Amino acid sequence: MSKLIRGVKKVEFFVFFFYSIPEMFLILAFIATLSGYDFSKNVIPMALISILISCCIEFFRFIDLHAFIRLFLQLFMVVTLMRLAFGIVFARATICAIISLLILQMTELVTINTSMILFHTNLQELQNNPLLWVPTIWFILIVLASLLFIIKKYDFSIFHQRIRSHNINVFSFSSYLIFTAFFTFGIIGSQLLTQEKTQSIYTIIAIFIFQALSILMVNELIKSRVRKTELSVYKESLKDINSLFTTVRSQRHDFSNHLQVLYIFAKQGENEKILLYIEQLIGQIKSVNQILISDNPGLSALLQTKVAQFEQEGISIELNIGSTLTDTNIPMIELNQIIGNLLDNAADAIKLAGYPSNQIFLQTIRKNNQVEIKVKNYRPIIPSHLQQKVFEYGFSTKPKHSGLGLAIITNLVKKNKGNLLLVSNETVGTEFTIIFPVAGGSKIEQKTS
């Protein structure tokens, strides 16, 4: 009897080091990959976290905590450590952790059921036989590693969907669908495993009907949110255009006043005042002409609004519009989202840094079969260790900000087959460059740097 106990303890010790720890490492790798994070650069920290969590789980089992409490504590530890070690936001880490645990559950259910059928045994006998149990759990690791390899190879992440607005749902419909599928089959599989396949067919049908109805409901809710967001974007764009026309009408009204002033100066023989007044008018006309883009009223309205807004905040915009951007296939609203967010980010950075420089430069230019959009501010500089993180969903260097601005830009650029580049150093300043192909041009390789 004592030999049997010692043998069981040796198996448990073996399973802990050669299954529990690798299993936890794969779970963390799944979470990181599904979150859009490249864990290959931090394998050692992830391995240490895997050991720590595995030891804690064994301790929870030793003190005989309830299974539900153990699962909750495990989920809390995983999400917290992923946040602290790799900066993955809580909502994203939680969703990916739940999905990863469901993937693990499904893999274990299928593998263990298959082993029980092949070896004509039940679960308890399988666990008590090291010659059968060890190959079974190792096969689970092989399946998990294979799934991870496929997900990483094809760069799959449930958070790669296009971000439409700052009121974004925590997760998309596709991620909810994945979650529901794993959850449903997990319930059915666990019932079949624990109750030896006596689960009622009516209960299984009821589960499928309930989940199908919930999927339809969530899909309609998300569609409703999308339509509401698109409507608000159109209203904002229309507001900008109306503002532009109001400005043009007011300037036409002012033109008669300017003529009257010049007429009085001419009648009085004040030639110097006439010249000075005309020079001031020419300066205003040049400024207006930079903003008035006849074949792109949407962009013109946006720039008119931003110039007026930033002028009140003590920030000036220097415009160099070499391309009206009408030779691309990008919708006007999405183009305004990209440029507007870049300008807002530059202005926010200047204000947050205490106005080290109060100028923003916007340039659009066409080169061969491409158009370039450049937004630049000399200061502040983005530190090198943050230049990759600024594009991540939820990350922001500004307090109380959602961190969606650059994430929105990144997704819109990818959607329209463009390329987004960032240069930030003491010589150049902080410059974002976006390159799009012209209509009918070749696709640009997508990468963010």
Foldseek 3Di string as FASTA:
>chain_A
DVVLVVVLVVLVVVCLVPFQLLLLLLLLLQLCLQQLHDCPVPSPVSSVLSNVLSVVLVVCVVVPDDPVVSVVVSLVSSLVCCCVPPVRDNLSSSLSSLLSVLVLLVLLLVLQVVLCVVVVHADVVQSSDSVRVVVSSVVSSVVSVVVSVVSVVVSHYQPLDFAQDLPGDSGDLVSVVSSLVSVLVSVVSVCCRVVVHPDDPVVNVVSVVVSVVVSVVVVVVVVVVNVVSVVVLVVVLVVLLVVLVVVVVVVVVCVVVLVVVLVVCVVVVVVVVNVVSVVVVVVVVVVLVLLDDPVQSSSSSLVVVLQVVLVVVQAHEAEAEADPPPQAPADSSLVSLQVVLLSVVVCVQCVVVPNPDRYWYWYWHDDDQKIKIKIFDQDDFDDPVCQVVLCRQQDDPDPPDRSCSNVNNLSSLVVQLKEWEWDTDNPRHTMIMIMGGGVVGDGDDYDYD
